[in-house]
Amino acid sequence: MKTEIGAYEAKTKLPELLRQVQAGKQFTITNRGRPIADLVPSSAQKSKDAAAAIDKFLAFIKENPVRAKVDVRALIEEGRE
């Protein structure tokens, strides 16, 4: 959820706002109570985070292989019934 902040306050507290945005928080900047801009984390950072999560997941799968024999087709058919 985005926190609303006035334009003047955003101007005076920009360094702190940027630290919070870097941590994942989102802000809507308002002017006289009307929303004018959103301050959100960069999509490039989200891509890096997603890539890191995928790498972590793949490492987990390598270290913890499935030990039981699983018939995927049977599970799919069972789910359809």
N, C-alpha and C. Protein backbone atom coordinates (compact mmCIF):
# COMPACT_ATOMS: atom_id res chain seq x y z
N MET A 1 0.84 -1.18 0.00
CA MET A 1 0.00 0.00 0.00
C MET A 1 0.88 1.24 0.00
N LYS A 2 0.47 2.23 -0.76
CA LYS A 2 1.25 3.46 -0.88
C LYS A 2 0.85 4.44 0.22
N THR A 3 1.85 5.12 0.73
CA THR A 3 1.64 6.16 1.72
C THR A 3 1.61 7.50 1.00
N GLU A 4 0.64 8.34 1.31
CA GLU A 4 0.58 9.67 0.69
C GLU A 4 1.48 10.63 1.44
N ILE A 5 2.14 11.50 0.66
CA ILE A 5 3.02 12.51 1.23
C ILE A 5 2.91 13.77 0.37
N GLY A 6 2.87 14.91 1.01
CA GLY A 6 2.77 16.18 0.28
C GLY A 6 4.06 16.49 -0.47
N ALA A 7 3.94 17.28 -1.54
CA ALA A 7 5.09 17.60 -2.39
C ALA A 7 6.19 18.31 -1.61
N TYR A 8 5.82 19.27 -0.76
CA TYR A 8 6.83 19.99 0.00
C TYR A 8 7.57 19.06 0.95
N GLU A 9 6.82 18.21 1.64
CA GLU A 9 7.44 17.26 2.57
C GLU A 9 8.33 16.28 1.81
N ALA A 10 7.89 15.84 0.63
CA ALA A 10 8.70 14.93 -0.19
C ALA A 10 10.01 15.60 -0.58
N LYS A 11 9.93 16.89 -0.92
CA LYS A 11 11.13 17.64 -1.30
C LYS A 11 12.11 17.71 -0.14
N THR A 12 11.61 18.00 1.05
CA THR A 12 12.50 18.18 2.19
C THR A 12 13.02 16.85 2.75
N LYS A 13 12.30 15.77 2.50
CA LYS A 13 12.70 14.47 3.05
C LYS A 13 13.12 13.47 1.97
N LEU A 14 13.51 13.97 0.79
CA LEU A 14 13.81 13.07 -0.33
C LEU A 14 14.84 11.99 -0.01
N PRO A 15 15.98 12.30 0.62
CA PRO A 15 16.94 11.22 0.91
C PRO A 15 16.33 10.09 1.75
N GLU A 16 15.56 10.45 2.76
CA GLU A 16 14.92 9.42 3.61
C GLU A 16 13.89 8.64 2.80
N LEU A 17 13.11 9.33 1.97
CA LEU A 17 12.12 8.63 1.14
C LEU A 17 12.80 7.64 0.21
N LEU A 18 13.92 8.05 -0.38
CA LEU A 18 14.64 7.15 -1.30
C LEU A 18 15.15 5.91 -0.58
N ARG A 19 15.62 6.06 0.65
CA ARG A 19 16.05 4.89 1.42
C ARG A 19 14.88 3.95 1.66
N GLN A 20 13.72 4.53 1.98
CA GLN A 20 12.54 3.70 2.22
C GLN A 20 12.06 3.01 0.94
N VAL A 21 12.13 3.73 -0.18
CA VAL A 21 11.74 3.13 -1.46
C VAL A 21 12.69 2.00 -1.81
N GLN A 22 13.96 2.19 -1.55
CA GLN A 22 14.94 1.14 -1.81
C GLN A 22 14.62 -0.11 -0.99
N ALA A 23 14.03 0.09 0.18
CA ALA A 23 13.65 -1.04 1.03
C ALA A 23 12.30 -1.63 0.62
N GLY A 24 11.65 -1.04 -0.40
CA GLY A 24 10.41 -1.62 -0.91
C GLY A 24 9.14 -0.83 -0.65
N LYS A 25 9.24 0.26 0.10
CA LYS A 25 8.04 1.05 0.40
C LYS A 25 7.65 1.91 -0.80
N GLN A 26 6.37 2.23 -0.92
CA GLN A 26 5.87 3.04 -2.03
C GLN A 26 5.17 4.28 -1.49
N PHE A 27 5.29 5.38 -2.22
CA PHE A 27 4.68 6.65 -1.82
C PHE A 27 3.91 7.25 -2.99
N THR A 28 2.82 7.94 -2.67
CA THR A 28 2.12 8.78 -3.64
C THR A 28 2.35 10.22 -3.21
N ILE A 29 2.93 11.01 -4.10
CA ILE A 29 3.20 12.41 -3.80
C ILE A 29 1.98 13.21 -4.24
N THR A 30 1.51 14.07 -3.33
CA THR A 30 0.31 14.86 -3.60
C THR A 30 0.64 16.35 -3.64
N ASN A 31 -0.21 17.09 -4.33
CA ASN A 31 -0.13 18.54 -4.36
C ASN A 31 -1.52 19.06 -4.04
N ARG A 32 -1.63 19.69 -2.88
CA ARG A 32 -2.93 20.17 -2.38
C ARG A 32 -3.95 19.03 -2.30
N GLY A 33 -3.46 17.88 -1.87
CA GLY A 33 -4.34 16.73 -1.65
C GLY A 33 -4.62 15.90 -2.89
N ARG A 34 -4.15 16.34 -4.06
CA ARG A 34 -4.39 15.58 -5.29
C ARG A 34 -3.14 14.79 -5.65
N PRO A 35 -3.28 13.50 -5.93
CA PRO A 35 -2.12 12.68 -6.31
C PRO A 35 -1.50 13.19 -7.61
N ILE A 36 -0.17 13.34 -7.61
CA ILE A 36 0.50 13.80 -8.83
C ILE A 36 1.60 12.86 -9.30
N ALA A 37 2.14 12.03 -8.39
CA ALA A 37 3.22 11.13 -8.79
C ALA A 37 3.32 9.97 -7.80
N ASP A 38 3.85 8.86 -8.30
CA ASP A 38 4.13 7.71 -7.44
C ASP A 38 5.64 7.52 -7.36
N LEU A 39 6.12 7.30 -6.17
CA LEU A 39 7.53 7.02 -5.93
C LEU A 39 7.60 5.54 -5.54
N VAL A 40 8.11 4.73 -6.47
CA VAL A 40 8.11 3.27 -6.29
C VAL A 40 9.50 2.72 -6.61
N PRO A 41 9.82 1.52 -6.11
CA PRO A 41 11.12 0.92 -6.44
C PRO A 41 11.27 0.73 -7.94
N SER A 42 12.47 0.83 -8.41
CA SER A 42 12.77 0.65 -9.83
C SER A 42 12.46 -0.78 -10.26
N SER A 43 11.94 -0.94 -11.47
CA SER A 43 11.66 -2.28 -11.97
C SER A 43 12.95 -3.05 -12.19
N ALA A 44 14.06 -2.35 -12.41
CA ALA A 44 15.35 -3.02 -12.56
C ALA A 44 15.70 -3.77 -11.28
N GLN A 45 15.42 -3.16 -10.13
CA GLN A 45 15.68 -3.82 -8.85
C GLN A 45 14.80 -5.04 -8.69
N LYS A 46 13.53 -4.94 -9.11
CA LYS A 46 12.63 -6.08 -9.03
C LYS A 46 13.15 -7.22 -9.88
N SER A 47 13.70 -6.90 -11.06
CA SER A 47 14.25 -7.94 -11.94
C SER A 47 15.43 -8.63 -11.28
N LYS A 48 16.29 -7.84 -10.62
CA LYS A 48 17.43 -8.42 -9.92
C LYS A 48 16.96 -9.32 -8.78
N ASP A 49 15.94 -8.86 -8.04
CA ASP A 49 15.41 -9.66 -6.94
C ASP A 49 14.80 -10.96 -7.46
N ALA A 50 14.09 -10.88 -8.58
CA ALA A 50 13.47 -12.07 -9.16
C ALA A 50 14.54 -13.05 -9.62
N ALA A 51 15.58 -12.54 -10.27
CA ALA A 51 16.67 -13.41 -10.73
C ALA A 51 17.36 -14.08 -9.55
N ALA A 52 17.57 -13.34 -8.47
CA ALA A 52 18.19 -13.91 -7.27
C ALA A 52 17.30 -14.99 -6.66
N ALA A 53 15.99 -14.77 -6.66
CA ALA A 53 15.06 -15.76 -6.11
C ALA A 53 15.07 -17.03 -6.96
N ILE A 54 15.13 -16.88 -8.27
CA ILE A 54 15.19 -18.05 -9.15
C ILE A 54 16.47 -18.82 -8.92
N ASP A 55 17.60 -18.12 -8.83
CA ASP A 55 18.88 -18.79 -8.56
C ASP A 55 18.84 -19.55 -7.24
N LYS A 56 18.26 -18.94 -6.23
CA LYS A 56 18.15 -19.58 -4.91
C LYS A 56 17.27 -20.83 -4.99
N PHE A 57 16.17 -20.73 -5.73
CA PHE A 57 15.26 -21.88 -5.89
C PHE A 57 15.96 -23.02 -6.63
N LEU A 58 16.67 -22.71 -7.71
CA LEU A 58 17.37 -23.75 -8.47
C LEU A 58 18.45 -24.42 -7.63
N ALA A 59 19.15 -23.65 -6.81
CA ALA A 59 20.16 -24.23 -5.92
C ALA A 59 19.49 -25.16 -4.91
N PHE A 60 18.33 -24.77 -4.40
CA PHE A 60 17.59 -25.61 -3.45
C PHE A 60 17.18 -26.93 -4.11
N ILE A 61 16.69 -26.85 -5.34
CA ILE A 61 16.26 -28.06 -6.06
C ILE A 61 17.44 -28.99 -6.28
N LYS A 62 18.61 -28.43 -6.61
CA LYS A 62 19.80 -29.26 -6.82
C LYS A 62 20.20 -29.98 -5.53
N GLU A 63 20.12 -29.27 -4.42
CA GLU A 63 20.54 -29.82 -3.14
C GLU A 63 19.50 -30.77 -2.54
N ASN A 64 18.25 -30.64 -2.95
CA ASN A 64 17.16 -31.43 -2.38
C ASN A 64 16.33 -32.08 -3.48
N PRO A 65 16.89 -33.07 -4.16
CA PRO A 65 16.14 -33.69 -5.26
C PRO A 65 14.93 -34.46 -4.73
N VAL A 66 13.95 -34.63 -5.61
CA VAL A 66 12.76 -35.41 -5.26
C VAL A 66 13.19 -36.87 -5.12
N ARG A 67 12.89 -37.47 -4.00
CA ARG A 67 13.33 -38.84 -3.74
C ARG A 67 12.26 -39.87 -4.07
N ALA A 68 11.02 -39.50 -4.01
CA ALA A 68 9.94 -40.44 -4.29
C ALA A 68 9.65 -40.45 -5.78
N LYS A 69 9.23 -41.62 -6.26
CA LYS A 69 8.84 -41.70 -7.66
C LYS A 69 7.43 -41.12 -7.77
N VAL A 70 7.31 -40.11 -8.60
CA VAL A 70 6.04 -39.42 -8.76
C VAL A 70 5.57 -39.57 -10.20
N ASP A 71 4.34 -40.02 -10.37
CA ASP A 71 3.74 -40.12 -11.69
C ASP A 71 2.91 -38.85 -11.91
N VAL A 72 3.50 -37.90 -12.61
CA VAL A 72 2.87 -36.61 -12.80
C VAL A 72 1.55 -36.75 -13.55
N ARG A 73 1.52 -37.59 -14.57
CA ARG A 73 0.28 -37.78 -15.33
C ARG A 73 -0.84 -38.31 -14.44
N ALA A 74 -0.52 -39.24 -13.55
CA ALA A 74 -1.53 -39.79 -12.65
C ALA A 74 -2.05 -38.69 -11.71
N LEU A 75 -1.16 -37.83 -11.24
CA LEU A 75 -1.59 -36.74 -10.37
C LEU A 75 -2.50 -35.76 -11.12
N ILE A 76 -2.17 -35.50 -12.37
CA ILE A 76 -3.00 -34.60 -13.18
C ILE A 76 -4.38 -35.21 -13.37
N GLU A 77 -4.42 -36.48 -13.73
CA GLU A 77 -5.71 -37.15 -13.93
C GLU A 77 -6.52 -37.18 -12.63
N GLU A 78 -5.84 -37.42 -11.52
CA GLU A 78 -6.52 -37.46 -10.23
C GLU A 78 -7.13 -36.09 -9.91
N GLY A 79 -6.42 -35.03 -10.26
CA GLY A 79 -6.91 -33.69 -10.01
C GLY A 79 -8.11 -33.33 -10.88
N ARG A 80 -8.21 -33.97 -12.03
CA ARG A 80 -9.32 -33.69 -12.95
C ARG A 80 -10.60 -34.40 -12.53
N GLU A 81 -10.48 -35.41 -11.70
CA GLU A 81 -11.67 -36.20 -11.30
C GLU A 81 -12.50 -35.51 -10.26
